[in-house]
């Protein structure tokens, strides 16, 4: 199974939606809250070029946020990345 890391901020509905989708698939993931850590958040934004959250990595591949994760699921491509 792939290593999944989800960077989140508090009170984020999109973060909750992404975590719910991963949980429904039985995927173990590491959630990293960066909302209260400006340096960590800035480093992540520098790494991905994205300012919105969540930011989701499957293994070392940045897949995007909640919308991109949902799109992968709808297209049937998410399982190939996860399992």
N, C-alpha and C. Protein backbone atom coordinates (compact mmCIF):
# COMPACT_ATOMS: atom_id res chain seq x y z
N UNK A 1 0.85 -1.18 0.00
CA UNK A 1 0.00 0.00 0.00
C UNK A 1 0.89 1.24 0.00
N UNK A 2 0.45 2.25 -0.68
CA UNK A 2 1.21 3.50 -0.80
C UNK A 2 1.21 4.27 0.52
N UNK A 3 2.22 5.10 0.69
CA UNK A 3 2.28 6.01 1.82
C UNK A 3 1.53 7.27 1.42
N UNK A 4 0.52 7.64 2.21
CA UNK A 4 -0.31 8.80 1.91
C UNK A 4 -0.12 9.83 3.01
N UNK A 5 0.18 11.05 2.61
CA UNK A 5 0.32 12.16 3.54
C UNK A 5 -0.61 13.27 3.10
N UNK A 6 -1.41 13.76 4.06
CA UNK A 6 -2.37 14.82 3.78
C UNK A 6 -2.06 16.00 4.68
N UNK A 7 -1.70 17.12 4.08
CA UNK A 7 -1.43 18.35 4.82
C UNK A 7 -2.72 19.13 4.90
N UNK A 8 -3.11 19.48 6.13
CA UNK A 8 -4.40 20.11 6.35
C UNK A 8 -4.27 21.40 7.17
N UNK A 9 -5.34 22.16 7.17
CA UNK A 9 -5.50 23.31 8.06
C UNK A 9 -6.84 23.14 8.79
N UNK A 10 -6.95 23.76 9.96
CA UNK A 10 -8.16 23.63 10.75
C UNK A 10 -9.36 24.25 10.05
N UNK A 11 -10.53 23.72 10.34
CA UNK A 11 -11.79 24.25 9.84
C UNK A 11 -11.88 24.23 8.32
N UNK A 12 -11.31 23.22 7.71
CA UNK A 12 -11.27 23.12 6.26
C UNK A 12 -12.20 22.00 5.80
N UNK A 13 -13.31 22.38 5.18
CA UNK A 13 -14.26 21.39 4.68
C UNK A 13 -13.68 20.50 3.60
N UNK A 14 -12.82 21.06 2.76
CA UNK A 14 -12.19 20.26 1.70
C UNK A 14 -11.24 19.23 2.31
N UNK A 15 -10.56 19.62 3.39
CA UNK A 15 -9.67 18.69 4.09
C UNK A 15 -10.48 17.53 4.65
N UNK A 16 -11.59 17.85 5.29
CA UNK A 16 -12.47 16.82 5.86
C UNK A 16 -12.97 15.88 4.78
N UNK A 17 -13.35 16.44 3.64
CA UNK A 17 -13.86 15.61 2.54
C UNK A 17 -12.79 14.65 2.02
N UNK A 18 -11.57 15.13 1.87
CA UNK A 18 -10.49 14.27 1.39
C UNK A 18 -10.18 13.16 2.40
N UNK A 19 -10.12 13.51 3.67
CA UNK A 19 -9.84 12.51 4.70
C UNK A 19 -10.96 11.47 4.76
N UNK A 20 -12.18 11.91 4.59
CA UNK A 20 -13.32 10.99 4.59
C UNK A 20 -13.24 10.01 3.42
N UNK A 21 -12.87 10.50 2.25
CA UNK A 21 -12.75 9.61 1.08
C UNK A 21 -11.67 8.56 1.31
N UNK A 22 -10.52 8.99 1.79
CA UNK A 22 -9.44 8.05 2.05
C UNK A 22 -9.84 7.03 3.11
N UNK A 23 -10.49 7.48 4.16
CA UNK A 23 -10.93 6.57 5.22
C UNK A 23 -11.94 5.55 4.70
N UNK A 24 -12.84 6.00 3.82
CA UNK A 24 -13.88 5.11 3.29
C UNK A 24 -13.27 3.99 2.44
N UNK A 25 -12.08 4.24 1.92
CA UNK A 25 -11.38 3.23 1.12
C UNK A 25 -10.48 2.35 1.98
N UNK A 26 -10.43 2.62 3.28
CA UNK A 26 -9.59 1.84 4.18
C UNK A 26 -8.12 2.18 4.08
N UNK A 27 -7.83 3.38 3.59
CA UNK A 27 -6.44 3.80 3.39
C UNK A 27 -5.89 4.41 4.68
N UNK A 28 -4.73 3.96 5.09
CA UNK A 28 -4.05 4.59 6.21
C UNK A 28 -3.30 5.80 5.67
N UNK A 29 -3.35 6.89 6.42
CA UNK A 29 -2.68 8.11 5.97
C UNK A 29 -2.15 8.85 7.18
N UNK A 30 -1.20 9.71 6.90
CA UNK A 30 -0.66 10.60 7.92
C UNK A 30 -1.25 11.98 7.66
N UNK A 31 -1.91 12.54 8.65
CA UNK A 31 -2.43 13.90 8.55
C UNK A 31 -1.45 14.83 9.25
N UNK A 32 -1.03 15.88 8.53
CA UNK A 32 -0.11 16.85 9.09
C UNK A 32 -0.78 18.22 9.07
N UNK A 33 -1.09 18.73 10.25
CA UNK A 33 -1.70 20.04 10.35
C UNK A 33 -0.66 21.13 10.25
N UNK A 34 -0.81 22.02 9.29
CA UNK A 34 0.17 23.10 9.09
C UNK A 34 -0.43 24.48 9.29
N UNK A 35 -1.67 24.55 9.71
CA UNK A 35 -2.34 25.83 9.86
C UNK A 35 -1.70 26.75 10.89
N UNK A 36 -1.17 26.18 11.94
CA UNK A 36 -0.57 26.97 13.01
C UNK A 36 0.95 27.02 12.92
N UNK A 37 1.50 26.55 11.83
CA UNK A 37 2.95 26.51 11.65
C UNK A 37 3.33 27.26 10.36
N UNK A 38 3.50 28.57 10.44
CA UNK A 38 3.77 29.37 9.24
C UNK A 38 4.98 28.91 8.43
N UNK A 39 6.05 28.50 9.09
CA UNK A 39 7.24 28.06 8.36
C UNK A 39 6.98 26.77 7.60
N UNK A 40 6.31 25.82 8.24
CA UNK A 40 5.99 24.56 7.58
C UNK A 40 5.03 24.79 6.41
N UNK A 41 4.06 25.65 6.64
CA UNK A 41 3.09 25.96 5.58
C UNK A 41 3.77 26.63 4.40
N UNK A 42 4.65 27.58 4.67
CA UNK A 42 5.38 28.27 3.59
C UNK A 42 6.28 27.30 2.83
N UNK A 43 6.92 26.39 3.54
CA UNK A 43 7.79 25.41 2.88
C UNK A 43 6.97 24.49 1.97
N UNK A 44 5.80 24.09 2.43
CA UNK A 44 4.94 23.23 1.63
C UNK A 44 4.45 23.97 0.38
N UNK A 45 4.04 25.21 0.54
CA UNK A 45 3.60 26.01 -0.60
C UNK A 45 4.75 26.17 -1.60
N UNK A 46 5.96 26.38 -1.09
CA UNK A 46 7.12 26.47 -1.97
C UNK A 46 7.38 25.18 -2.72
N UNK A 47 7.12 24.07 -2.07
CA UNK A 47 7.36 22.74 -2.67
C UNK A 47 6.34 22.43 -3.76
N UNK A 48 5.08 22.80 -3.54
CA UNK A 48 4.02 22.42 -4.47
C UNK A 48 3.57 23.54 -5.39
N UNK A 49 3.76 24.79 -4.95
CA UNK A 49 3.26 25.92 -5.71
C UNK A 49 1.77 26.16 -5.51
N UNK A 50 1.15 25.41 -4.60
CA UNK A 50 -0.28 25.53 -4.33
C UNK A 50 -0.49 26.16 -2.97
N UNK A 51 -1.46 27.07 -2.88
CA UNK A 51 -1.76 27.75 -1.62
C UNK A 51 -2.99 27.20 -0.92
N UNK A 52 -3.77 26.36 -1.60
CA UNK A 52 -4.99 25.83 -1.02
C UNK A 52 -4.72 24.49 -0.32
N UNK A 53 -5.66 24.11 0.55
CA UNK A 53 -5.53 22.87 1.30
C UNK A 53 -6.82 22.08 1.19
N UNK A 54 -6.70 20.76 1.29
CA UNK A 54 -5.53 19.98 1.66
C UNK A 54 -4.54 19.87 0.50
N UNK A 55 -3.36 19.43 0.84
CA UNK A 55 -2.37 19.07 -0.16
C UNK A 55 -2.02 17.61 0.09
N UNK A 56 -2.22 16.80 -0.93
CA UNK A 56 -2.17 15.35 -0.77
C UNK A 56 -1.03 14.76 -1.58
N UNK A 57 -0.25 13.93 -0.90
CA UNK A 57 0.84 13.20 -1.54
C UNK A 57 0.58 11.71 -1.42
N UNK A 58 0.73 11.01 -2.51
CA UNK A 58 0.68 9.55 -2.51
C UNK A 58 2.09 9.11 -2.90
N UNK A 59 2.73 8.43 -1.95
CA UNK A 59 4.17 8.20 -2.02
C UNK A 59 4.81 9.58 -2.18
N UNK A 60 5.60 9.84 -3.17
CA UNK A 60 6.21 11.16 -3.34
C UNK A 60 5.52 11.99 -4.41
N UNK A 61 4.39 11.50 -4.91
CA UNK A 61 3.65 12.19 -5.97
C UNK A 61 2.64 13.15 -5.37
N UNK A 62 2.75 14.42 -5.71
CA UNK A 62 1.76 15.41 -5.29
C UNK A 62 0.56 15.27 -6.21
N UNK A 63 -0.58 14.87 -5.65
CA UNK A 63 -1.77 14.66 -6.48
C UNK A 63 -2.70 15.85 -6.48
N UNK A 64 -2.47 16.82 -5.59
CA UNK A 64 -3.30 18.01 -5.55
C UNK A 64 -4.12 18.04 -4.27
N UNK A 65 -5.35 18.54 -4.40
CA UNK A 65 -6.22 18.69 -3.25
C UNK A 65 -7.42 17.76 -3.30
N UNK A 66 -8.45 18.15 -2.60
CA UNK A 66 -9.65 17.34 -2.49
C UNK A 66 -10.33 17.12 -3.85
N UNK A 67 -10.43 18.15 -4.65
CA UNK A 67 -11.07 18.01 -5.96
C UNK A 67 -10.31 17.04 -6.85
N UNK A 68 -8.99 17.13 -6.84
CA UNK A 68 -8.18 16.23 -7.66
C UNK A 68 -8.28 14.79 -7.16
N UNK A 69 -8.31 14.62 -5.83
CA UNK A 69 -8.46 13.28 -5.26
C UNK A 69 -9.81 12.68 -5.67
N UNK A 70 -10.86 13.47 -5.59
CA UNK A 70 -12.19 13.01 -5.99
C UNK A 70 -12.23 12.67 -7.48
N UNK A 71 -11.57 13.47 -8.28
CA UNK A 71 -11.52 13.22 -9.72
C UNK A 71 -10.81 11.90 -10.01
N UNK A 72 -9.72 11.64 -9.30
CA UNK A 72 -9.01 10.36 -9.47
C UNK A 72 -9.92 9.19 -9.10
N UNK A 73 -10.70 9.36 -8.04
CA UNK A 73 -11.63 8.31 -7.62
C UNK A 73 -12.71 8.08 -8.68
N UNK A 74 -13.31 9.15 -9.17
CA UNK A 74 -14.38 9.02 -10.18
C UNK A 74 -13.87 8.37 -11.47
N UNK A 75 -12.63 8.65 -11.83
CA UNK A 75 -12.08 8.11 -13.07
C UNK A 75 -11.56 6.68 -12.91
N UNK A 76 -11.55 6.19 -11.67
CA UNK A 76 -11.06 4.83 -11.43
C UNK A 76 -9.56 4.72 -11.33
N UNK A 77 -8.85 5.85 -11.28
CA UNK A 77 -7.38 5.82 -11.24
C UNK A 77 -6.80 5.87 -9.83
N UNK A 78 -7.62 6.19 -8.83
CA UNK A 78 -7.09 6.34 -7.48
C UNK A 78 -6.58 5.02 -6.91
N UNK A 79 -7.32 3.95 -7.10
CA UNK A 79 -6.91 2.66 -6.54
C UNK A 79 -5.54 2.23 -7.06
N UNK A 80 -5.24 2.51 -8.31
CA UNK A 80 -3.94 2.13 -8.87
C UNK A 80 -2.80 2.86 -8.17
N UNK A 81 -3.06 4.07 -7.70
CA UNK A 81 -2.04 4.82 -6.98
C UNK A 81 -1.91 4.35 -5.54
N UNK A 82 -3.00 3.90 -4.96
CA UNK A 82 -3.02 3.56 -3.55
C UNK A 82 -2.61 2.13 -3.23
N UNK A 83 -3.01 1.20 -4.09
CA UNK A 83 -2.84 -0.22 -3.76
C UNK A 83 -1.87 -0.93 -4.67
